[in-house]
Every structure is written in C-alpha cells, then in structure tokens.
C-alpha cells in the first residue's frame, strides 16, 4: 500500500507507539507505597480483600469505579495534518 513518504510498517509503528504511550500513562497513574485502611473519598473502611489484592489502594471499590469512569482528556495525535507536512 502506497503511503507517500512513509516507510513500510509506519502505520503499525504508530499503533505500537500509541499503545506503549497508553500503557506508560496507565502505569504512571497507579498508586505506589502503603495503602489506606479507610477510603480517601467516602471514608468507609476498605475491605481487607482489596487491601491484600492491591496493597497501595487508597479508595474502596465503589469510589475507584466512579473515578475510573471519568473521561480522560488529552492524548497525542500522531497523524500530522497536510498543512504541517507541506511546511
């Protein structure tokens, strides 16, 4: 498939880079260090099973689920516009 000046496999390279960036961002957001006994959002006790499964947990499952549902803004657009390619 002809893609102008892009080398063979460039599309797959962009996909791989996007996935690697997403994984790096997700890992950076993981809590580290000692966890909490009580949820930092609602104040309820974090169940022992969650504290064992995720030692650095700072929120209960319900509150964390709510935090995870929030939209993530931003990201990297790896597709350059034609105008930027012509300059």
PDB file of N, CA and C in Angstrom:
ATOM      1  N   UNK A   1       0.846  -1.176   0.000  1.00  0.00           N
ATOM      2  CA  UNK A   1       0.000   0.000   0.000  1.00  0.00           C
ATOM      3  C   UNK A   1       0.887   1.233   0.000  1.00  0.00           C
ATOM      4  N   UNK A   2       0.668   2.102  -0.947  1.00  0.00           N
ATOM      5  CA  UNK A   2       1.467   3.321  -1.051  1.00  0.00           C
ATOM      6  C   UNK A   2       1.024   4.319   0.008  1.00  0.00           C
ATOM      7  N   UNK A   3       1.976   4.904   0.689  1.00  0.00           N
ATOM      8  CA  UNK A   3       1.636   5.876   1.728  1.00  0.00           C
ATOM      9  C   UNK A   3       2.526   7.107   1.647  1.00  0.00           C
ATOM     10  N   UNK A   4       2.885   7.499   0.458  1.00  0.00           N
ATOM     11  CA  UNK A   4       3.700   8.704   0.319  1.00  0.00           C
ATOM     12  C   UNK A   4       5.124   8.463   0.771  1.00  0.00           C
ATOM     13  N   UNK A   5       5.603   9.320   1.667  1.00  0.00           N
ATOM     14  CA  UNK A   5       6.987   9.254   2.115  1.00  0.00           C
ATOM     15  C   UNK A   5       7.185   8.296   3.281  1.00  0.00           C
ATOM     16  N   UNK A   6       6.109   7.768   3.805  1.00  0.00           N
ATOM     17  CA  UNK A   6       6.213   6.898   4.976  1.00  0.00           C
ATOM     18  C   UNK A   6       6.816   5.550   4.592  1.00  0.00           C
ATOM     19  N   UNK A   7       7.709   5.036   5.420  1.00  0.00           N
ATOM     20  CA  UNK A   7       8.289   3.724   5.141  1.00  0.00           C
ATOM     21  C   UNK A   7       7.280   2.604   5.388  1.00  0.00           C
ATOM     22  N   UNK A   8       7.590   1.425   4.873  1.00  0.00           N
ATOM     23  CA  UNK A   8       6.728   0.268   5.119  1.00  0.00           C
ATOM     24  C   UNK A   8       6.629   0.029   6.617  1.00  0.00           C
ATOM     25  N   UNK A   9       5.433  -0.251   7.089  1.00  0.00           N
ATOM     26  CA  UNK A   9       5.234  -0.528   8.508  1.00  0.00           C
ATOM     27  C   UNK A   9       5.047   0.706   9.362  1.00  0.00           C
ATOM     28  N   UNK A  10       4.969   1.886   8.768  1.00  0.00           N
ATOM     29  CA  UNK A  10       4.851   3.122   9.554  1.00  0.00           C
ATOM     30  C   UNK A  10       3.532   3.175  10.322  1.00  0.00           C
ATOM     31  N   UNK A  11       2.472   2.680   9.707  1.00  0.00           N
ATOM     32  CA  UNK A  11       1.173   2.703  10.389  1.00  0.00           C
ATOM     33  C   UNK A  11       1.225   1.821  11.625  1.00  0.00           C
ATOM     34  N   UNK A  12       1.798   0.632  11.486  1.00  0.00           N
ATOM     35  CA  UNK A  12       1.907  -0.261  12.638  1.00  0.00           C
ATOM     36  C   UNK A  12       2.810   0.351  13.705  1.00  0.00           C
ATOM     37  N   UNK A  13       3.849   1.045  13.298  1.00  0.00           N
ATOM     38  CA  UNK A  13       4.721   1.727  14.270  1.00  0.00           C
ATOM     39  C   UNK A  13       3.944   2.768  15.061  1.00  0.00           C
ATOM     40  N   UNK A  14       3.046   3.506  14.387  1.00  0.00           N
ATOM     41  CA  UNK A  14       2.225   4.499  15.083  1.00  0.00           C
ATOM     42  C   UNK A  14       1.290   3.819  16.074  1.00  0.00           C
ATOM     43  N   UNK A  15       0.691   2.708  15.664  1.00  0.00           N
ATOM     44  CA  UNK A  15      -0.203   1.976  16.556  1.00  0.00           C
ATOM     45  C   UNK A  15       0.570   1.477  17.767  1.00  0.00           C
ATOM     46  N   UNK A  16       1.724   0.881  17.538  1.00  0.00           N
ATOM     47  CA  UNK A  16       2.548   0.369  18.637  1.00  0.00           C
ATOM     48  C   UNK A  16       2.954   1.489  19.594  1.00  0.00           C
ATOM     49  N   UNK A  17       3.333   2.644  19.053  1.00  0.00           N
ATOM     50  CA  UNK A  17       3.723   3.780  19.896  1.00  0.00           C
ATOM     51  C   UNK A  17       2.545   4.297  20.709  1.00  0.00           C
ATOM     52  N   UNK A  18       1.367   4.334  20.097  1.00  0.00           N
ATOM     53  CA  UNK A  18       0.170   4.793  20.817  1.00  0.00           C
ATOM     54  C   UNK A  18      -0.164   3.857  21.972  1.00  0.00           C
ATOM     55  N   UNK A  19      -0.062   2.560  21.743  1.00  0.00           N
ATOM     56  CA  UNK A  19      -0.328   1.583  22.801  1.00  0.00           C
ATOM     57  C   UNK A  19       0.710   1.700  23.907  1.00  0.00           C
ATOM     58  N   UNK A  20       1.972   1.827  23.529  1.00  0.00           N
ATOM     59  CA  UNK A  20       3.037   1.960  24.528  1.00  0.00           C
ATOM     60  C   UNK A  20       2.828   3.218  25.380  1.00  0.00           C
ATOM     61  N   UNK A  21       2.405   4.323  24.748  1.00  0.00           N
ATOM     62  CA  UNK A  21       2.130   5.557  25.493  1.00  0.00           C
ATOM     63  C   UNK A  21       0.975   5.362  26.464  1.00  0.00           C
ATOM     64  N   UNK A  22      -0.082   4.671  26.020  1.00  0.00           N
ATOM     65  CA  UNK A  22      -1.241   4.440  26.884  1.00  0.00           C
ATOM     66  C   UNK A  22      -0.866   3.572  28.082  1.00  0.00           C
ATOM     67  N   UNK A  23      -0.051   2.540  27.860  1.00  0.00           N
ATOM     68  CA  UNK A  23       0.384   1.670  28.957  1.00  0.00           C
ATOM     69  C   UNK A  23       1.262   2.450  29.928  1.00  0.00           C
ATOM     70  N   UNK A  24       2.165   3.263  29.399  1.00  0.00           N
ATOM     71  CA  UNK A  24       3.052   4.073  30.248  1.00  0.00           C
ATOM     72  C   UNK A  24       2.224   5.047  31.105  1.00  0.00           C
ATOM     73  N   UNK A  25       1.207   5.670  30.505  1.00  0.00           N
ATOM     74  CA  UNK A  25       0.343   6.591  31.237  1.00  0.00           C
ATOM     75  C   UNK A  25      -0.441   5.867  32.325  1.00  0.00           C
ATOM     76  N   UNK A  26      -0.969   4.698  32.004  1.00  0.00           N
ATOM     77  CA  UNK A  26      -1.737   3.923  32.986  1.00  0.00           C
ATOM     78  C   UNK A  26      -0.855   3.499  34.153  1.00  0.00           C
ATOM     79  N   UNK A  27       0.356   3.067  33.862  1.00  0.00           N
ATOM     80  CA  UNK A  27       1.272   2.658  34.937  1.00  0.00           C
ATOM     81  C   UNK A  27       1.674   3.840  35.806  1.00  0.00           C
ATOM     82  N   UNK A  28       1.811   5.005  35.199  1.00  0.00           N
ATOM     83  CA  UNK A  28       2.179   6.194  35.964  1.00  0.00           C
ATOM     84  C   UNK A  28       1.074   6.609  36.929  1.00  0.00           C
ATOM     85  N   UNK A  29      -0.169   6.274  36.590  1.00  0.00           N
ATOM     86  CA  UNK A  29      -1.294   6.645  37.438  1.00  0.00           C
ATOM     87  C   UNK A  29      -1.532   5.666  38.582  1.00  0.00           C
ATOM     88  N   UNK A  30      -0.874   4.520  38.550  1.00  0.00           N
ATOM     89  CA  UNK A  30      -1.049   3.546  39.622  1.00  0.00           C
ATOM     90  C   UNK A  30      -0.466   4.084  40.927  1.00  0.00           C
ATOM     91  N   UNK A  31      -1.184   3.849  41.982  1.00  0.00           N
ATOM     92  CA  UNK A  31      -0.706   4.289  43.292  1.00  0.00           C
ATOM     93  C   UNK A  31       0.484   3.438  43.720  1.00  0.00           C
ATOM     94  N   UNK A  32       1.383   4.054  44.441  1.00  0.00           N
ATOM     95  CA  UNK A  32       2.533   3.328  44.974  1.00  0.00           C
ATOM     96  C   UNK A  32       2.616   3.599  46.472  1.00  0.00           C
ATOM     97  N   UNK A  33       3.394   2.793  47.132  1.00  0.00           N
ATOM     98  CA  UNK A  33       3.574   2.978  48.566  1.00  0.00           C
ATOM     99  C   UNK A  33       2.488   2.308  49.369  1.00  0.00           C
ATOM    100  N   UNK A  34       2.467   2.577  50.654  1.00  0.00           N
ATOM    101  CA  UNK A  34       1.469   1.933  51.507  1.00  0.00           C
ATOM    102  C   UNK A  34       0.067   2.451  51.209  1.00  0.00           C
ATOM    103  N   UNK A  35      -0.893   1.564  51.327  1.00  0.00           N
ATOM    104  CA  UNK A  35      -2.284   1.938  51.079  1.00  0.00           C
ATOM    105  C   UNK A  35      -2.936   2.496  52.329  1.00  0.00           C
ATOM    106  N   UNK A  36      -4.225   2.656  52.249  1.00  0.00           N
ATOM    107  CA  UNK A  36      -5.011   3.210  53.346  1.00  0.00           C
ATOM    108  C   UNK A  36      -5.948   2.142  53.902  1.00  0.00           C
ATOM    109  N   UNK A  37      -6.387   2.323  55.116  1.00  0.00           N
ATOM    110  CA  UNK A  37      -7.392   1.441  55.712  1.00  0.00           C
ATOM    111  C   UNK A  37      -8.778   1.982  55.399  1.00  0.00           C
ATOM    112  N   UNK A  38      -8.897   3.309  55.341  1.00  0.00           N
ATOM    113  CA  UNK A  38     -10.176   3.952  55.053  1.00  0.00           C
ATOM    114  C   UNK A  38     -10.088   4.685  53.719  1.00  0.00           C
ATOM    115  N   UNK A  39     -11.169   4.620  52.962  1.00  0.00           N
ATOM    116  CA  UNK A  39     -11.249   5.250  51.642  1.00  0.00           C
ATOM    117  C   UNK A  39     -11.039   6.755  51.758  1.00  0.00           C
ATOM    118  N   UNK A  40     -10.207   7.306  50.902  1.00  0.00           N
ATOM    119  CA  UNK A  40      -9.937   8.746  50.916  1.00  0.00           C
ATOM    120  C   UNK A  40     -11.102   9.563  50.355  1.00  0.00           C
ATOM    121  N   UNK A  41     -12.038   8.897  49.670  1.00  0.00           N
ATOM    122  CA  UNK A  41     -13.171   9.618  49.084  1.00  0.00           C
ATOM    123  C   UNK A  41     -14.381   9.606  50.013  1.00  0.00           C
ATOM    124  N   UNK A  42     -14.811   8.408  50.423  1.00  0.00           N
ATOM    125  CA  UNK A  42     -16.048   8.310  51.217  1.00  0.00           C
ATOM    126  C   UNK A  42     -15.808   8.060  52.703  1.00  0.00           C
ATOM    127  N   UNK A  43     -14.607   7.644  53.076  1.00  0.00           N
ATOM    128  CA  UNK A  43     -14.287   7.420  54.474  1.00  0.00           C
ATOM    129  C   UNK A  43     -14.636   6.035  55.007  1.00  0.00           C
ATOM    130  N   UNK A  44     -15.273   5.214  54.170  1.00  0.00           N
ATOM    131  CA  UNK A  44     -15.600   3.848  54.596  1.00  0.00           C
ATOM    132  C   UNK A  44     -14.339   2.996  54.643  1.00  0.00           C
ATOM    133  N   UNK A  45     -14.376   1.932  55.423  1.00  0.00           N
ATOM    134  CA  UNK A  45     -13.230   1.032  55.509  1.00  0.00           C
ATOM    135  C   UNK A  45     -13.061   0.275  54.191  1.00  0.00           C
ATOM    136  N   UNK A  46     -11.831   0.198  53.728  1.00  0.00           N
ATOM    137  CA  UNK A  46     -11.519  -0.563  52.520  1.00  0.00           C
ATOM    138  C   UNK A  46     -11.469  -2.031  52.919  1.00  0.00           C
ATOM    139  N   UNK A  47     -12.234  -2.900  52.242  1.00  0.00           N
ATOM    140  CA  UNK A  47     -12.250  -4.317  52.611  1.00  0.00           C
ATOM    141  C   UNK A  47     -10.844  -4.928  52.584  1.00  0.00           C
ATOM    142  N   UNK A  48     -10.611  -5.843  53.515  1.00  0.00           N
ATOM    143  CA  UNK A  48      -9.296  -6.469  53.627  1.00  0.00           C
ATOM    144  C   UNK A  48      -8.893  -7.175  52.340  1.00  0.00           C
ATOM    145  N   UNK A  49      -9.864  -7.793  51.656  1.00  0.00           N
ATOM    146  CA  UNK A  49      -9.552  -8.491  50.401  1.00  0.00           C
ATOM    147  C   UNK A  49      -8.977  -7.516  49.372  1.00  0.00           C
ATOM    148  N   UNK A  50      -9.521  -6.301  49.300  1.00  0.00           N
ATOM    149  CA  UNK A  50      -8.989  -5.301  48.363  1.00  0.00           C
ATOM    150  C   UNK A  50      -7.606  -4.838  48.789  1.00  0.00           C
ATOM    151  N   UNK A  51      -7.417  -4.658  50.074  1.00  0.00           N
ATOM    152  CA  UNK A  51      -6.091  -4.219  50.556  1.00  0.00           C
ATOM    153  C   UNK A  51      -5.034  -5.272  50.284  1.00  0.00           C
ATOM    154  N   UNK A  52      -5.418  -6.554  50.346  1.00  0.00           N
ATOM    155  CA  UNK A  52      -4.460  -7.623  50.030  1.00  0.00           C
ATOM    156  C   UNK A  52      -4.190  -7.697  48.531  1.00  0.00           C
ATOM    157  N   UNK A  53      -5.249  -7.533  47.725  1.00  0.00           N
ATOM    158  CA  UNK A  53      -5.100  -7.610  46.271  1.00  0.00           C
ATOM    159  C   UNK A  53      -4.339  -6.412  45.716  1.00  0.00           C
ATOM    160  N   UNK A  54      -4.601  -5.239  46.291  1.00  0.00           N
ATOM    161  CA  UNK A  54      -3.949  -4.006  45.850  1.00  0.00           C
ATOM    162  C   UNK A  54      -3.414  -3.291  47.081  1.00  0.00           C
ATOM    163  N   UNK A  55      -2.184  -3.622  47.499  1.00  0.00           N
ATOM    164  CA  UNK A  55      -1.647  -3.078  48.749  1.00  0.00           C
ATOM    165  C   UNK A  55      -1.576  -1.550  48.803  1.00  0.00           C
ATOM    166  N   UNK A  56      -1.521  -0.890  47.664  1.00  0.00           N
ATOM    167  CA  UNK A  56      -1.420   0.577  47.674  1.00  0.00           C
ATOM    168  C   UNK A  56      -2.779   1.241  47.463  1.00  0.00           C
ATOM    169  N   UNK A  57      -3.876   0.498  47.616  1.00  0.00           N
ATOM    170  CA  UNK A  57      -5.216   1.055  47.399  1.00  0.00           C
ATOM    171  C   UNK A  57      -5.505   2.183  48.380  1.00  0.00           C
ATOM    172  N   UNK A  58      -6.086   3.253  47.855  1.00  0.00           N
ATOM    173  CA  UNK A  58      -6.442   4.394  48.680  1.00  0.00           C
ATOM    174  C   UNK A  58      -7.940   4.676  48.654  1.00  0.00           C
ATOM    175  N   UNK A  59      -8.655   3.919  47.820  1.00  0.00           N
ATOM    176  CA  UNK A  59     -10.101   4.096  47.710  1.00  0.00           C
ATOM    177  C   UNK A  59     -10.782   2.728  47.724  1.00  0.00           C
ATOM    178  N   UNK A  60     -12.066   2.728  48.117  1.00  0.00           N
ATOM    179  CA  UNK A  60     -12.848   1.488  48.071  1.00  0.00           C
ATOM    180  C   UNK A  60     -13.203   1.186  46.616  1.00  0.00           C
ATOM    181  N   UNK A  61     -13.736   0.008  46.373  1.00  0.00           N
ATOM    182  CA  UNK A  61     -14.044  -0.416  45.010  1.00  0.00           C
ATOM    183  C   UNK A  61     -15.075   0.518  44.369  1.00  0.00           C
ATOM    184  N   UNK A  62     -16.126   0.875  45.107  1.00  0.00           N
ATOM    185  CA  UNK A  62     -17.171   1.736  44.545  1.00  0.00           C
ATOM    186  C   UNK A  62     -16.620   3.104  44.140  1.00  0.00           C
ATOM    187  N   UNK A  63     -15.840   3.707  45.001  1.00  0.00           N
ATOM    188  CA  UNK A  63     -15.281   5.029  44.692  1.00  0.00           C
ATOM    189  C   UNK A  63     -14.277   4.946  43.549  1.00  0.00           C
ATOM    190  N   UNK A  64     -13.462   3.895  43.526  1.00  0.00           N
ATOM    191  CA  UNK A  64     -12.497   3.739  42.447  1.00  0.00           C
ATOM    192  C   UNK A  64     -13.202   3.526  41.119  1.00  0.00           C
ATOM    193  N   UNK A  65     -14.313   2.789  41.136  1.00  0.00           N
ATOM    194  CA  UNK A  65     -15.090   2.590  39.906  1.00  0.00           C
ATOM    195  C   UNK A  65     -15.600   3.924  39.383  1.00  0.00           C
ATOM    196  N   UNK A  66     -16.056   4.778  40.284  1.00  0.00           N
ATOM    197  CA  UNK A  66     -16.504   6.103  39.877  1.00  0.00           C
ATOM    198  C   UNK A  66     -15.380   6.941  39.304  1.00  0.00           C
ATOM    199  N   UNK A  67     -14.209   6.859  39.909  1.00  0.00           N
ATOM    200  CA  UNK A  67     -13.055   7.608  39.396  1.00  0.00           C
ATOM    201  C   UNK A  67     -12.625   7.090  38.029  1.00  0.00           C
ATOM    202  N   UNK A  68     -12.711   5.784  37.833  1.00  0.00           N
ATOM    203  CA  UNK A  68     -12.302   5.191  36.558  1.00  0.00           C
ATOM    204  C   UNK A  68     -13.253   5.538  35.423  1.00  0.00           C
ATOM    205  N   UNK A  69     -14.504   5.881  35.738  1.00  0.00           N
ATOM    206  CA  UNK A  69     -15.479   6.220  34.699  1.00  0.00           C
ATOM    207  C   UNK A  69     -15.318   7.639  34.172  1.00  0.00           C
ATOM    208  N   UNK A  70     -14.571   8.461  34.865  1.00  0.00           N
ATOM    209  CA  UNK A  70     -14.401   9.844  34.406  1.00  0.00           C
ATOM    210  C   UNK A  70     -13.651   9.856  33.078  1.00  0.00           C
ATOM    211  N   UNK A  71     -14.043  10.744  32.167  1.00  0.00           N
ATOM    212  CA  UNK A  71     -13.360  10.801  30.873  1.00  0.00           C
ATOM    213  C   UNK A  71     -11.928  11.307  31.031  1.00  0.00           C
ATOM    214  N   UNK A  72     -11.061  10.762  30.225  1.00  0.00           N
ATOM    215  CA  UNK A  72      -9.658  11.179  30.218  1.00  0.00           C
ATOM    216  C   UNK A  72      -9.472  12.124  29.041  1.00  0.00           C
ATOM    217  N   UNK A  73      -9.057  13.318  29.326  1.00  0.00           N
ATOM    218  CA  UNK A  73      -8.853  14.310  28.275  1.00  0.00           C
ATOM    219  C   UNK A  73      -7.390  14.342  27.882  1.00  0.00           C
ATOM    220  N   UNK A  74      -7.156  14.645  26.639  1.00  0.00           N
ATOM    221  CA  UNK A  74      -5.789  14.759  26.172  1.00  0.00           C
ATOM    222  C   UNK A  74      -5.393  13.581  25.324  1.00  0.00           C
ATOM    223  N   UNK A  75      -4.125  13.449  25.107  1.00  0.00           N
ATOM    224  CA  UNK A  75      -3.621  12.382  24.265  1.00  0.00           C
ATOM    225  C   UNK A  75      -2.721  12.958  23.194  1.00  0.00           C
ATOM    226  N   UNK A  76      -2.205  12.093  22.394  1.00  0.00           N
ATOM    227  CA  UNK A  76      -1.283  12.501  21.340  1.00  0.00           C
ATOM    228  C   UNK A  76      -1.907  12.161  20.005  1.00  0.00           C
ATOM    229  N   UNK A  77      -1.983  13.137  19.126  1.00  0.00           N
ATOM    230  CA  UNK A  77      -2.446  12.911  17.769  1.00  0.00           C
ATOM    231  C   UNK A  77      -1.209  12.703  16.911  1.00  0.00           C
ATOM    232  N   UNK A  78      -0.980  11.480  16.513  1.00  0.00           N
ATOM    233  CA  UNK A  78       0.222  11.168  15.738  1.00  0.00           C
ATOM    234  C   UNK A  78       0.042  11.414  14.243  1.00  0.00           C
ATOM    235  N   UNK A  79      -1.164  11.717  13.819  1.00  0.00           N
ATOM    236  CA  UNK A  79      -1.401  11.959  12.400  1.00  0.00           C
ATOM    237  C   UNK A  79      -1.221  13.443  12.125  1.00  0.00           C
ATOM    238  N   UNK A  80      -0.210  13.806  11.393  1.00  0.00           N
ATOM    239  CA  UNK A  80       0.019  15.205  11.073  1.00  0.00           C
ATOM    240  C   UNK A  80      -0.954  15.674  10.007  1.00  0.00           C
ATOM    241  N   UNK A  81      -1.310  16.930  10.052  1.00  0.00           N
ATOM    242  CA  UNK A  81      -2.193  17.481   9.027  1.00  0.00           C
ATOM    243  C   UNK A  81      -1.380  17.715   7.753  1.00  0.00           C
ATOM    244  N   UNK A  82      -2.095  17.856   6.638  1.00  0.00           N
ATOM    245  CA  UNK A  82      -1.406  18.106   5.378  1.00  0.00           C
ATOM    246  C   UNK A  82      -0.655  19.419   5.430  1.00  0.00           C
ATOM    247  N   UNK A  83      -1.218  20.412   6.114  1.00  0.00           N
ATOM    248  CA  UNK A  83      -0.559  21.705   6.213  1.00  0.00           C
ATOM    249  C   UNK A  83       0.784  21.577   6.912  1.00  0.00           C
ATOM    250  N   UNK A  84       0.852  20.770   7.983  1.00  0.00           N
ATOM    251  CA  UNK A  84       2.119  20.654   8.693  1.00  0.00           C
ATOM    252  C   UNK A  84       3.138  19.874   7.874  1.00  0.00           C
ATOM    253  N   UNK A  85       2.675  19.010   7.001  1.00  0.00           N
ATOM    254  CA  UNK A  85       3.597  18.229   6.181  1.00  0.00           C
ATOM    255  C   UNK A  85       4.143  19.035   5.009  1.00  0.00           C
ATOM    256  N   UNK A  86       3.411  20.067   4.599  1.00  0.00           N
ATOM    257  CA  UNK A  86       3.833  20.881   3.459  1.00  0.00           C
ATOM    258  C   UNK A  86       4.796  21.977   3.860  1.00  0.00           C
ATOM    259  N   UNK A  87       4.896  22.288   5.124  1.00  0.00           N
ATOM    260  CA  UNK A  87       5.767  23.382   5.569  1.00  0.00           C
ATOM    261  C   UNK A  87       7.202  22.954   5.593  1.00  0.00           C
TER     262      UNK A  87
END
